[in-house]
Amino acid sequence: MTTEESRLPREWIASALRRERTRAGLSLSELAKRAGIAKSTLSQLEAATGNPGIETVWALAVALGVPFSVLVESPAPAVTVIRAGEGPTMHSERASYAGTLLSASPSGVRRDIYHGAMEPGSARESDPHNPGTVEHLIVSTGRVLAGPRDESVELGPGDYMAYRGDVPHAYEALEPGTTFVLVMQHAS
């Protein structure tokens, strides 16, 4: 991957943050306050010089009232193929977790599709997403403990579960090389 290619997700995030913050009529200070991050961090992200973790981008999406994918999606061609190991990937700041956006929700449709990869050792704790969000999880390899904090379920390859994403929830790999597909369904 070239230096220019590795910068593209930062530039997409920067552009989307500026666009959505302006659309919402929020100052840098107000958005930073709502998201619980430093104004300097937000300024760096909007300048494409910051390196945000998934938690920071989620917090900004919730503060802006938009799906996570709106902040990380890339311009898409008519036919999209994302090879394994490619695509805009965000890493967790607090767990061995990486999520790759496979398909952003097009206008009028409220769902996003992600490929997740985790290693055992720490859970990916997720704060509530926008009201009405439902997550659909399908395990590909390994084992994962997932769901709302008090209703977590252990899943293996081929297992599916759906649960509210607008409450605190988590994912925790129970085996090395755990992968899954996550579909986020957003309320209209």
N, C-alpha and C. Protein backbone atom coordinates (compact mmCIF):
# COMPACT_ATOMS: atom_id res chain seq x y z
N MET A 1 0.85 -1.18 0.00
CA MET A 1 0.00 0.00 0.00
C MET A 1 0.89 1.23 0.00
N THR A 2 0.59 2.17 -0.87
CA THR A 2 1.38 3.39 -0.94
C THR A 2 1.00 4.33 0.19
N THR A 3 1.87 5.33 0.43
CA THR A 3 1.58 6.33 1.46
C THR A 3 0.27 7.04 1.14
N GLU A 4 0.05 7.35 -0.13
CA GLU A 4 -1.19 8.03 -0.51
C GLU A 4 -2.41 7.16 -0.22
N GLU A 5 -2.34 5.85 -0.55
CA GLU A 5 -3.46 4.96 -0.28
C GLU A 5 -3.74 4.84 1.21
N SER A 6 -2.69 4.81 2.03
CA SER A 6 -2.91 4.66 3.47
C SER A 6 -3.52 5.92 4.07
N ARG A 7 -3.43 7.07 3.41
CA ARG A 7 -4.02 8.31 3.92
C ARG A 7 -5.48 8.45 3.52
N LEU A 8 -5.93 7.72 2.52
CA LEU A 8 -7.29 7.92 2.03
C LEU A 8 -8.37 7.82 3.11
N PRO A 9 -8.39 6.79 3.98
CA PRO A 9 -9.45 6.76 4.99
C PRO A 9 -9.44 8.01 5.88
N ARG A 10 -8.27 8.51 6.26
CA ARG A 10 -8.21 9.73 7.06
C ARG A 10 -8.83 10.90 6.32
N GLU A 11 -8.54 10.98 5.02
CA GLU A 11 -9.09 12.07 4.23
C GLU A 11 -10.60 11.93 4.07
N TRP A 12 -11.10 10.69 3.92
CA TRP A 12 -12.54 10.47 3.84
C TRP A 12 -13.20 10.89 5.15
N ILE A 13 -12.59 10.47 6.27
CA ILE A 13 -13.14 10.83 7.59
C ILE A 13 -13.12 12.34 7.77
N ALA A 14 -12.01 12.98 7.42
CA ALA A 14 -11.89 14.43 7.57
C ALA A 14 -12.98 15.16 6.78
N SER A 15 -13.14 14.76 5.54
CA SER A 15 -14.15 15.39 4.68
C SER A 15 -15.56 15.17 5.23
N ALA A 16 -15.84 13.94 5.65
CA ALA A 16 -17.16 13.62 6.17
C ALA A 16 -17.44 14.37 7.48
N LEU A 17 -16.43 14.48 8.34
CA LEU A 17 -16.62 15.21 9.60
C LEU A 17 -16.95 16.68 9.34
N ARG A 18 -16.19 17.30 8.44
CA ARG A 18 -16.46 18.72 8.12
C ARG A 18 -17.86 18.87 7.54
N ARG A 19 -18.22 17.97 6.60
CA ARG A 19 -19.53 18.04 5.95
C ARG A 19 -20.66 17.87 6.97
N GLU A 20 -20.57 16.84 7.81
CA GLU A 20 -21.64 16.56 8.76
C GLU A 20 -21.70 17.58 9.89
N ARG A 21 -20.56 18.09 10.32
CA ARG A 21 -20.55 19.12 11.37
C ARG A 21 -21.19 20.39 10.84
N THR A 22 -20.86 20.76 9.60
CA THR A 22 -21.45 21.94 8.97
C THR A 22 -22.95 21.75 8.77
N ARG A 23 -23.33 20.55 8.29
CA ARG A 23 -24.75 20.25 8.09
C ARG A 23 -25.53 20.38 9.40
N ALA A 24 -24.92 19.95 10.51
CA ALA A 24 -25.57 20.01 11.81
C ALA A 24 -25.49 21.40 12.44
N GLY A 25 -24.70 22.30 11.84
CA GLY A 25 -24.58 23.65 12.37
C GLY A 25 -23.83 23.71 13.69
N LEU A 26 -22.84 22.83 13.85
CA LEU A 26 -22.10 22.77 15.10
C LEU A 26 -20.69 23.34 14.93
N SER A 27 -20.21 24.01 15.96
CA SER A 27 -18.82 24.47 15.99
C SER A 27 -17.93 23.28 16.35
N LEU A 28 -16.62 23.45 16.13
CA LEU A 28 -15.67 22.42 16.56
C LEU A 28 -15.82 22.15 18.05
N SER A 29 -15.91 23.23 18.84
CA SER A 29 -16.01 23.10 20.29
C SER A 29 -17.26 22.33 20.70
N GLU A 30 -18.40 22.65 20.08
CA GLU A 30 -19.65 22.00 20.46
C GLU A 30 -19.64 20.52 20.09
N LEU A 31 -19.16 20.18 18.89
CA LEU A 31 -19.12 18.77 18.51
C LEU A 31 -18.16 18.00 19.41
N ALA A 32 -17.00 18.57 19.68
CA ALA A 32 -16.03 17.91 20.56
C ALA A 32 -16.65 17.65 21.93
N LYS A 33 -17.36 18.65 22.46
CA LYS A 33 -18.01 18.51 23.77
C LYS A 33 -19.04 17.39 23.74
N ARG A 34 -19.91 17.38 22.71
CA ARG A 34 -20.95 16.35 22.60
C ARG A 34 -20.37 14.95 22.46
N ALA A 35 -19.22 14.84 21.78
CA ALA A 35 -18.59 13.54 21.55
C ALA A 35 -17.68 13.12 22.71
N GLY A 36 -17.39 14.06 23.60
CA GLY A 36 -16.51 13.75 24.73
C GLY A 36 -15.06 13.61 24.34
N ILE A 37 -14.63 14.38 23.32
CA ILE A 37 -13.23 14.36 22.90
C ILE A 37 -12.67 15.77 22.96
N ALA A 38 -11.37 15.89 22.89
CA ALA A 38 -10.72 17.21 22.92
C ALA A 38 -10.95 17.94 21.60
N LYS A 39 -11.13 19.25 21.68
CA LYS A 39 -11.30 20.07 20.48
C LYS A 39 -10.08 19.92 19.56
N SER A 40 -8.88 19.84 20.15
CA SER A 40 -7.67 19.69 19.34
C SER A 40 -7.68 18.37 18.57
N THR A 41 -8.24 17.31 19.19
CA THR A 41 -8.35 16.02 18.50
C THR A 41 -9.27 16.14 17.30
N LEU A 42 -10.42 16.78 17.49
CA LEU A 42 -11.37 16.96 16.39
C LEU A 42 -10.75 17.80 15.29
N SER A 43 -10.04 18.84 15.66
CA SER A 43 -9.38 19.70 14.67
C SER A 43 -8.39 18.89 13.84
N GLN A 44 -7.60 18.03 14.49
CA GLN A 44 -6.65 17.19 13.76
C GLN A 44 -7.38 16.23 12.83
N LEU A 45 -8.49 15.66 13.29
CA LEU A 45 -9.24 14.73 12.45
C LEU A 45 -9.79 15.43 11.22
N GLU A 46 -10.32 16.64 11.40
CA GLU A 46 -10.86 17.38 10.26
C GLU A 46 -9.76 17.84 9.30
N ALA A 47 -8.52 17.92 9.78
CA ALA A 47 -7.39 18.29 8.93
C ALA A 47 -6.72 17.06 8.33
N ALA A 48 -7.26 15.88 8.61
CA ALA A 48 -6.73 14.59 8.12
C ALA A 48 -5.32 14.32 8.65
N THR A 49 -5.00 14.89 9.82
CA THR A 49 -3.69 14.62 10.42
C THR A 49 -3.82 13.71 11.63
N GLY A 50 -5.01 13.53 12.15
CA GLY A 50 -5.21 12.65 13.30
C GLY A 50 -5.35 11.21 12.85
N ASN A 51 -5.21 10.30 13.79
CA ASN A 51 -5.34 8.87 13.51
C ASN A 51 -6.38 8.30 14.47
N PRO A 52 -7.68 8.46 14.13
CA PRO A 52 -8.72 8.09 15.08
C PRO A 52 -8.89 6.60 15.25
N GLY A 53 -9.25 6.21 16.46
CA GLY A 53 -9.64 4.83 16.73
C GLY A 53 -11.14 4.72 16.50
N ILE A 54 -11.62 3.51 16.46
CA ILE A 54 -13.03 3.27 16.18
C ILE A 54 -13.93 3.92 17.23
N GLU A 55 -13.49 3.93 18.50
CA GLU A 55 -14.32 4.53 19.55
C GLU A 55 -14.52 6.02 19.31
N THR A 56 -13.48 6.72 18.89
CA THR A 56 -13.58 8.15 18.63
C THR A 56 -14.54 8.43 17.48
N VAL A 57 -14.43 7.66 16.41
CA VAL A 57 -15.32 7.87 15.26
C VAL A 57 -16.76 7.54 15.64
N TRP A 58 -16.98 6.48 16.43
CA TRP A 58 -18.34 6.14 16.87
C TRP A 58 -18.92 7.28 17.70
N ALA A 59 -18.11 7.82 18.62
CA ALA A 59 -18.59 8.91 19.47
C ALA A 59 -18.98 10.12 18.63
N LEU A 60 -18.19 10.42 17.62
CA LEU A 60 -18.51 11.55 16.73
C LEU A 60 -19.78 11.27 15.93
N ALA A 61 -19.94 10.04 15.44
CA ALA A 61 -21.15 9.69 14.68
C ALA A 61 -22.39 9.85 15.55
N VAL A 62 -22.32 9.35 16.78
CA VAL A 62 -23.47 9.47 17.69
C VAL A 62 -23.75 10.94 17.98
N ALA A 63 -22.70 11.72 18.24
CA ALA A 63 -22.87 13.15 18.53
C ALA A 63 -23.48 13.90 17.34
N LEU A 64 -23.17 13.44 16.13
CA LEU A 64 -23.72 14.06 14.92
C LEU A 64 -25.07 13.48 14.54
N GLY A 65 -25.46 12.34 15.14
CA GLY A 65 -26.73 11.70 14.82
C GLY A 65 -26.73 11.03 13.46
N VAL A 66 -25.55 10.50 13.06
CA VAL A 66 -25.44 9.83 11.76
C VAL A 66 -24.88 8.43 11.97
N PRO A 67 -25.14 7.49 11.06
CA PRO A 67 -24.52 6.17 11.16
C PRO A 67 -23.00 6.28 11.05
N PHE A 68 -22.30 5.40 11.71
CA PHE A 68 -20.83 5.34 11.68
C PHE A 68 -20.31 5.38 10.25
N SER A 69 -20.95 4.65 9.35
CA SER A 69 -20.47 4.54 7.98
C SER A 69 -20.43 5.87 7.26
N VAL A 70 -21.28 6.82 7.64
CA VAL A 70 -21.29 8.13 6.99
C VAL A 70 -19.92 8.81 7.16
N LEU A 71 -19.23 8.51 8.25
CA LEU A 71 -17.94 9.14 8.52
C LEU A 71 -16.75 8.41 7.92
N VAL A 72 -16.93 7.15 7.51
CA VAL A 72 -15.79 6.39 6.99
C VAL A 72 -15.98 5.87 5.57
N GLU A 73 -17.14 6.11 4.98
CA GLU A 73 -17.37 5.54 3.66
C GLU A 73 -16.54 6.26 2.60
N SER A 74 -16.15 5.49 1.58
CA SER A 74 -15.40 6.04 0.46
C SER A 74 -16.32 6.19 -0.73
N PRO A 75 -15.94 7.04 -1.67
CA PRO A 75 -16.73 7.11 -2.90
C PRO A 75 -16.71 5.74 -3.58
N ALA A 76 -17.88 5.23 -3.96
CA ALA A 76 -17.96 3.87 -4.49
C ALA A 76 -18.18 3.86 -6.01
N PRO A 77 -17.48 2.98 -6.72
CA PRO A 77 -17.74 2.79 -8.15
C PRO A 77 -19.02 1.99 -8.36
N ALA A 78 -19.43 1.81 -9.61
CA ALA A 78 -20.66 1.08 -9.93
C ALA A 78 -20.60 -0.38 -9.46
N VAL A 79 -19.45 -1.02 -9.57
CA VAL A 79 -19.25 -2.38 -9.09
C VAL A 79 -18.19 -2.32 -8.00
N THR A 80 -18.50 -2.89 -6.86
CA THR A 80 -17.56 -2.85 -5.75
C THR A 80 -17.11 -4.25 -5.38
N VAL A 81 -15.81 -4.46 -5.34
CA VAL A 81 -15.23 -5.70 -4.86
C VAL A 81 -14.22 -5.31 -3.79
N ILE A 82 -14.38 -5.88 -2.61
CA ILE A 82 -13.42 -5.64 -1.54
C ILE A 82 -12.80 -6.98 -1.20
N ARG A 83 -11.54 -7.13 -1.53
CA ARG A 83 -10.82 -8.37 -1.26
C ARG A 83 -10.54 -8.49 0.23
N ALA A 84 -10.42 -9.72 0.72
CA ALA A 84 -10.08 -9.94 2.12
C ALA A 84 -8.81 -9.18 2.46
N GLY A 85 -8.85 -8.47 3.57
CA GLY A 85 -7.69 -7.69 4.01
C GLY A 85 -7.63 -6.30 3.43
N GLU A 86 -8.60 -5.93 2.59
CA GLU A 86 -8.63 -4.60 2.00
C GLU A 86 -9.87 -3.87 2.51
N GLY A 87 -10.01 -2.61 2.15
CA GLY A 87 -11.16 -1.81 2.55
C GLY A 87 -10.81 -0.91 3.72
N PRO A 88 -11.65 0.09 3.97
CA PRO A 88 -11.38 1.02 5.06
C PRO A 88 -11.57 0.33 6.41
N THR A 89 -10.47 0.14 7.12
CA THR A 89 -10.48 -0.59 8.38
C THR A 89 -10.15 0.35 9.54
N MET A 90 -10.93 0.24 10.60
CA MET A 90 -10.70 1.01 11.82
C MET A 90 -10.35 0.02 12.92
N HIS A 91 -9.37 0.40 13.74
CA HIS A 91 -8.93 -0.46 14.85
C HIS A 91 -9.41 0.12 16.17
N SER A 92 -9.73 -0.76 17.09
CA SER A 92 -10.15 -0.36 18.43
C SER A 92 -8.97 0.20 19.19
N GLU A 93 -9.23 1.17 20.05
CA GLU A 93 -8.19 1.71 20.92
C GLU A 93 -8.03 0.87 22.17
N ARG A 94 -9.05 0.03 22.49
CA ARG A 94 -9.05 -0.67 23.77
C ARG A 94 -9.14 -2.19 23.66
N ALA A 95 -9.19 -2.73 22.46
CA ALA A 95 -9.30 -4.18 22.30
C ALA A 95 -8.65 -4.60 21.00
N SER A 96 -8.35 -5.89 20.87
CA SER A 96 -7.80 -6.42 19.63
C SER A 96 -8.96 -6.65 18.67
N TYR A 97 -9.43 -5.56 18.09
CA TYR A 97 -10.61 -5.59 17.23
C TYR A 97 -10.37 -4.67 16.03
N ALA A 98 -10.75 -5.15 14.86
CA ALA A 98 -10.70 -4.32 13.66
C ALA A 98 -11.99 -4.53 12.89
N GLY A 99 -12.60 -3.43 12.45
CA GLY A 99 -13.83 -3.49 11.67
C GLY A 99 -13.60 -2.88 10.31
N THR A 100 -13.97 -3.59 9.26
CA THR A 100 -13.81 -3.11 7.89
C THR A 100 -15.18 -2.88 7.29
N LEU A 101 -15.43 -1.64 6.89
CA LEU A 101 -16.70 -1.30 6.26
C LEU A 101 -16.75 -1.95 4.88
N LEU A 102 -17.74 -2.81 4.67
CA LEU A 102 -17.90 -3.49 3.38
C LEU A 102 -18.91 -2.76 2.50
N SER A 103 -19.97 -2.26 3.10
CA SER A 103 -21.01 -1.58 2.32
C SER A 103 -21.69 -0.54 3.19
N ALA A 104 -21.55 0.71 2.80
CA ALA A 104 -22.22 1.79 3.51
C ALA A 104 -23.67 1.85 3.06
N SER A 105 -24.50 2.35 3.92
CA SER A 105 -25.92 2.46 3.63
C SER A 105 -26.17 3.54 2.58
N PRO A 106 -26.70 3.17 1.41
CA PRO A 106 -26.99 4.18 0.40
C PRO A 106 -28.16 5.06 0.84
N SER A 107 -28.31 6.18 0.20
CA SER A 107 -29.39 7.10 0.52
C SER A 107 -30.73 6.38 0.49
N GLY A 108 -31.53 6.59 1.54
CA GLY A 108 -32.84 5.95 1.61
C GLY A 108 -32.82 4.57 2.22
N VAL A 109 -31.64 3.98 2.42
CA VAL A 109 -31.51 2.67 3.02
C VAL A 109 -30.70 2.85 4.30
N ARG A 110 -31.10 2.18 5.34
CA ARG A 110 -30.47 2.41 6.63
C ARG A 110 -29.81 1.14 7.16
N ARG A 111 -28.74 0.68 6.50
CA ARG A 111 -27.97 -0.46 6.98
C ARG A 111 -26.53 -0.33 6.49
N ASP A 112 -25.62 -0.86 7.29
CA ASP A 112 -24.21 -0.91 6.94
C ASP A 112 -23.74 -2.34 7.16
N ILE A 113 -22.74 -2.78 6.38
CA ILE A 113 -22.21 -4.14 6.53
C ILE A 113 -20.72 -4.05 6.81
N TYR A 114 -20.27 -4.76 7.86
CA TYR A 114 -18.87 -4.75 8.27
C TYR A 114 -18.33 -6.17 8.35
N HIS A 115 -17.03 -6.29 8.16
CA HIS A 115 -16.32 -7.54 8.45
C HIS A 115 -15.48 -7.26 9.69
N GLY A 116 -15.65 -8.06 10.74
CA GLY A 116 -14.91 -7.85 11.98
C GLY A 116 -13.89 -8.95 12.19
N ALA A 117 -12.76 -8.58 12.78
CA ALA A 117 -11.71 -9.54 13.11
C ALA A 117 -11.23 -9.24 14.53
N MET A 118 -11.15 -10.26 15.35
CA MET A 118 -10.75 -10.08 16.76
C MET A 118 -9.81 -11.19 17.20
N GLU A 119 -9.03 -10.84 18.21
CA GLU A 119 -8.19 -11.82 18.89
C GLU A 119 -8.57 -11.82 20.37
N PRO A 120 -8.41 -12.95 21.05
CA PRO A 120 -8.72 -13.00 22.47
C PRO A 120 -7.85 -12.04 23.27
N GLY A 121 -8.34 -11.65 24.42
CA GLY A 121 -7.53 -10.82 25.30
C GLY A 121 -8.26 -9.64 25.88
N SER A 122 -9.12 -9.03 25.10
CA SER A 122 -9.90 -7.91 25.62
C SER A 122 -11.17 -7.77 24.80
N ALA A 123 -12.22 -7.36 25.49
CA ALA A 123 -13.51 -7.19 24.81
C ALA A 123 -13.56 -5.84 24.12
N ARG A 124 -14.30 -5.76 23.04
CA ARG A 124 -14.58 -4.50 22.36
C ARG A 124 -15.89 -4.01 22.95
N GLU A 125 -15.80 -3.10 23.92
CA GLU A 125 -16.98 -2.52 24.56
C GLU A 125 -17.52 -1.43 23.66
N SER A 126 -18.80 -1.45 23.40
CA SER A 126 -19.42 -0.45 22.52
C SER A 126 -20.49 0.32 23.28
N ASP A 127 -20.38 1.64 23.23
CA ASP A 127 -21.41 2.49 23.80
C ASP A 127 -22.65 2.39 22.92
N PRO A 128 -23.81 2.79 23.42
CA PRO A 128 -25.03 2.74 22.60
C PRO A 128 -24.90 3.55 21.32
N HIS A 129 -25.43 3.01 20.24
CA HIS A 129 -25.48 3.73 18.97
C HIS A 129 -26.78 4.53 18.94
N ASN A 130 -27.08 5.13 17.81
CA ASN A 130 -28.29 5.94 17.69
C ASN A 130 -29.54 5.11 18.03
N PRO A 131 -30.58 5.76 18.59
CA PRO A 131 -31.81 5.05 18.96
C PRO A 131 -32.38 4.24 17.80
N GLY A 132 -32.82 3.02 18.10
CA GLY A 132 -33.43 2.16 17.09
C GLY A 132 -32.44 1.28 16.34
N THR A 133 -31.14 1.40 16.61
CA THR A 133 -30.14 0.59 15.91
C THR A 133 -30.26 -0.87 16.35
N VAL A 134 -30.23 -1.78 15.38
CA VAL A 134 -30.22 -3.22 15.63
C VAL A 134 -28.97 -3.78 14.96
N GLU A 135 -28.24 -4.64 15.66
CA GLU A 135 -27.06 -5.27 15.07
C GLU A 135 -27.37 -6.73 14.78
N HIS A 136 -26.91 -7.20 13.61
CA HIS A 136 -27.05 -8.60 13.19
C HIS A 136 -25.62 -9.14 13.05
N LEU A 137 -25.31 -10.21 13.75
CA LEU A 137 -23.96 -10.74 13.79
C LEU A 137 -23.96 -12.18 13.29
N ILE A 138 -23.06 -12.49 12.35
CA ILE A 138 -22.90 -13.85 11.83
C ILE A 138 -21.42 -14.20 11.97
N VAL A 139 -21.12 -15.25 12.74
CA VAL A 139 -19.74 -15.65 12.98
C VAL A 139 -19.23 -16.46 11.80
N SER A 140 -18.03 -16.10 11.33
CA SER A 140 -17.40 -16.83 10.22
C SER A 140 -16.42 -17.87 10.74
N THR A 141 -15.49 -17.42 11.60
CA THR A 141 -14.48 -18.34 12.16
C THR A 141 -14.30 -18.04 13.65
N GLY A 142 -13.86 -19.04 14.40
CA GLY A 142 -13.59 -18.86 15.82
C GLY A 142 -14.86 -18.85 16.64
N ARG A 143 -14.76 -18.25 17.82
CA ARG A 143 -15.90 -18.15 18.73
C ARG A 143 -15.89 -16.74 19.30
N VAL A 144 -17.09 -16.21 19.53
CA VAL A 144 -17.21 -14.86 20.06
C VAL A 144 -18.32 -14.82 21.11
N LEU A 145 -18.11 -14.01 22.12
CA LEU A 145 -19.13 -13.73 23.12
C LEU A 145 -19.62 -12.33 22.79
N ALA A 146 -20.91 -12.19 22.47
CA ALA A 146 -21.40 -10.90 21.97
C ALA A 146 -22.81 -10.61 22.44
N GLY A 147 -23.16 -9.33 22.37
CA GLY A 147 -24.51 -8.89 22.67
C GLY A 147 -24.54 -7.82 23.73
N PRO A 148 -25.75 -7.43 24.14
CA PRO A 148 -25.89 -6.44 25.21
C PRO A 148 -25.19 -6.95 26.47
N ARG A 149 -24.71 -6.04 27.28
CA ARG A 149 -23.87 -6.39 28.44
C ARG A 149 -24.44 -7.50 29.32
N ASP A 150 -25.72 -7.50 29.61
CA ASP A 150 -26.28 -8.52 30.50
C ASP A 150 -26.95 -9.67 29.74
N GLU A 151 -26.82 -9.70 28.42
CA GLU A 151 -27.46 -10.74 27.62
C GLU A 151 -26.51 -11.34 26.60
N SER A 152 -25.20 -11.33 26.87
CA SER A 152 -24.21 -11.84 25.93
C SER A 152 -24.42 -13.33 25.67
N VAL A 153 -24.13 -13.74 24.44
CA VAL A 153 -24.30 -15.12 24.01
C VAL A 153 -23.01 -15.57 23.34
N GLU A 154 -22.60 -16.82 23.59
CA GLU A 154 -21.44 -17.38 22.91
C GLU A 154 -21.89 -17.94 21.57
N LEU A 155 -21.17 -17.54 20.53
CA LEU A 155 -21.50 -17.96 19.16
C LEU A 155 -20.29 -18.61 18.50
N GLY A 156 -20.57 -19.56 17.59
CA GLY A 156 -19.52 -20.22 16.81
C GLY A 156 -19.76 -20.04 15.33
N PRO A 157 -18.91 -20.65 14.49
CA PRO A 157 -19.03 -20.50 13.04
C PRO A 157 -20.44 -20.81 12.54
N GLY A 158 -20.99 -19.89 11.75
CA GLY A 158 -22.32 -20.06 11.18
C GLY A 158 -23.44 -19.56 12.06
N ASP A 159 -23.16 -19.29 13.35
CA ASP A 159 -24.21 -18.81 14.26
C ASP A 159 -24.57 -17.36 13.94
N TYR A 160 -25.84 -17.05 14.15
CA TYR A 160 -26.38 -15.71 13.90
C TYR A 160 -27.09 -15.22 15.15
N MET A 161 -27.00 -13.92 15.41
CA MET A 161 -27.81 -13.31 16.46
C MET A 161 -28.13 -11.87 16.06
N ALA A 162 -29.25 -11.37 16.58
CA ALA A 162 -29.64 -9.98 16.40
C ALA A 162 -29.91 -9.42 17.79
N TYR A 163 -29.54 -8.17 18.00
CA TYR A 163 -29.73 -7.54 19.30
C TYR A 163 -29.74 -6.03 19.15
N ARG A 164 -30.27 -5.37 20.16
CA ARG A 164 -30.32 -3.91 20.16
C ARG A 164 -28.90 -3.35 20.20
N GLY A 165 -28.63 -2.41 19.32
CA GLY A 165 -27.33 -1.73 19.30
C GLY A 165 -27.40 -0.38 19.98
N ASP A 166 -28.60 -0.01 20.47
CA ASP A 166 -28.75 1.30 21.11
C ASP A 166 -28.65 1.18 22.63
N VAL A 167 -28.07 0.06 23.09
CA VAL A 167 -27.76 -0.14 24.50
C VAL A 167 -26.28 -0.55 24.57
N PRO A 168 -25.62 -0.42 25.72
CA PRO A 168 -24.22 -0.87 25.81
C PRO A 168 -24.11 -2.34 25.44
N HIS A 169 -23.12 -2.67 24.62
CA HIS A 169 -22.93 -4.05 24.19
C HIS A 169 -21.44 -4.29 23.95
N ALA A 170 -21.08 -5.55 23.70
CA ALA A 170 -19.67 -5.89 23.56
C ALA A 170 -19.48 -7.10 22.66
N TYR A 171 -18.24 -7.25 22.17
CA TYR A 171 -17.80 -8.43 21.43
C TYR A 171 -16.50 -8.87 22.08
N GLU A 172 -16.34 -10.17 22.27
CA GLU A 172 -15.09 -10.68 22.82
C GLU A 172 -14.74 -11.98 22.12
N ALA A 173 -13.57 -12.02 21.50
CA ALA A 173 -13.11 -13.24 20.84
C ALA A 173 -12.74 -14.27 21.90
N LEU A 174 -13.18 -15.50 21.69
CA LEU A 174 -12.86 -16.59 22.60
C LEU A 174 -11.82 -17.52 22.01
N GLU A 175 -11.53 -17.37 20.71
CA GLU A 175 -10.52 -18.17 20.01
C GLU A 175 -9.71 -17.24 19.11
N PRO A 176 -8.43 -17.58 18.88
CA PRO A 176 -7.64 -16.80 17.93
C PRO A 176 -8.26 -16.84 16.53
N GLY A 177 -8.10 -15.77 15.79
CA GLY A 177 -8.59 -15.73 14.41
C GLY A 177 -10.09 -15.63 14.28
N THR A 178 -10.76 -15.07 15.28
CA THR A 178 -12.22 -14.95 15.22
C THR A 178 -12.61 -13.87 14.21
N THR A 179 -13.52 -14.20 13.30
CA THR A 179 -14.02 -13.24 12.32
C THR A 179 -15.53 -13.35 12.23
N PHE A 180 -16.16 -12.25 11.83
CA PHE A 180 -17.61 -12.24 11.72
C PHE A 180 -18.06 -11.14 10.78
N VAL A 181 -19.32 -11.25 10.36
CA VAL A 181 -19.96 -10.21 9.56
C VAL A 181 -20.97 -9.53 10.47
N LEU A 182 -20.95 -8.21 10.47
CA LEU A 182 -21.86 -7.43 11.30
C LEU A 182 -22.67 -6.52 10.38
N VAL A 183 -24.01 -6.63 10.47
CA VAL A 183 -24.90 -5.76 9.71
C VAL A 183 -25.56 -4.84 10.73
N MET A 184 -25.38 -3.54 10.55
CA MET A 184 -26.01 -2.56 11.43
C MET A 184 -27.22 -1.99 10.72
N GLN A 185 -28.35 -2.15 11.35
CA GLN A 185 -29.63 -1.67 10.81
C GLN A 185 -30.00 -0.42 11.61
N HIS A 186 -30.12 0.70 10.91
CA HIS A 186 -30.40 1.99 11.57
C HIS A 186 -31.87 2.35 11.42
N ALA A 187 -32.44 2.94 12.46
CA ALA A 187 -33.82 3.40 12.39
C ALA A 187 -33.91 4.57 11.41
N SER A 188 -35.06 4.71 10.76
CA SER A 188 -35.21 5.80 9.79
C SER A 188 -35.36 7.12 10.48
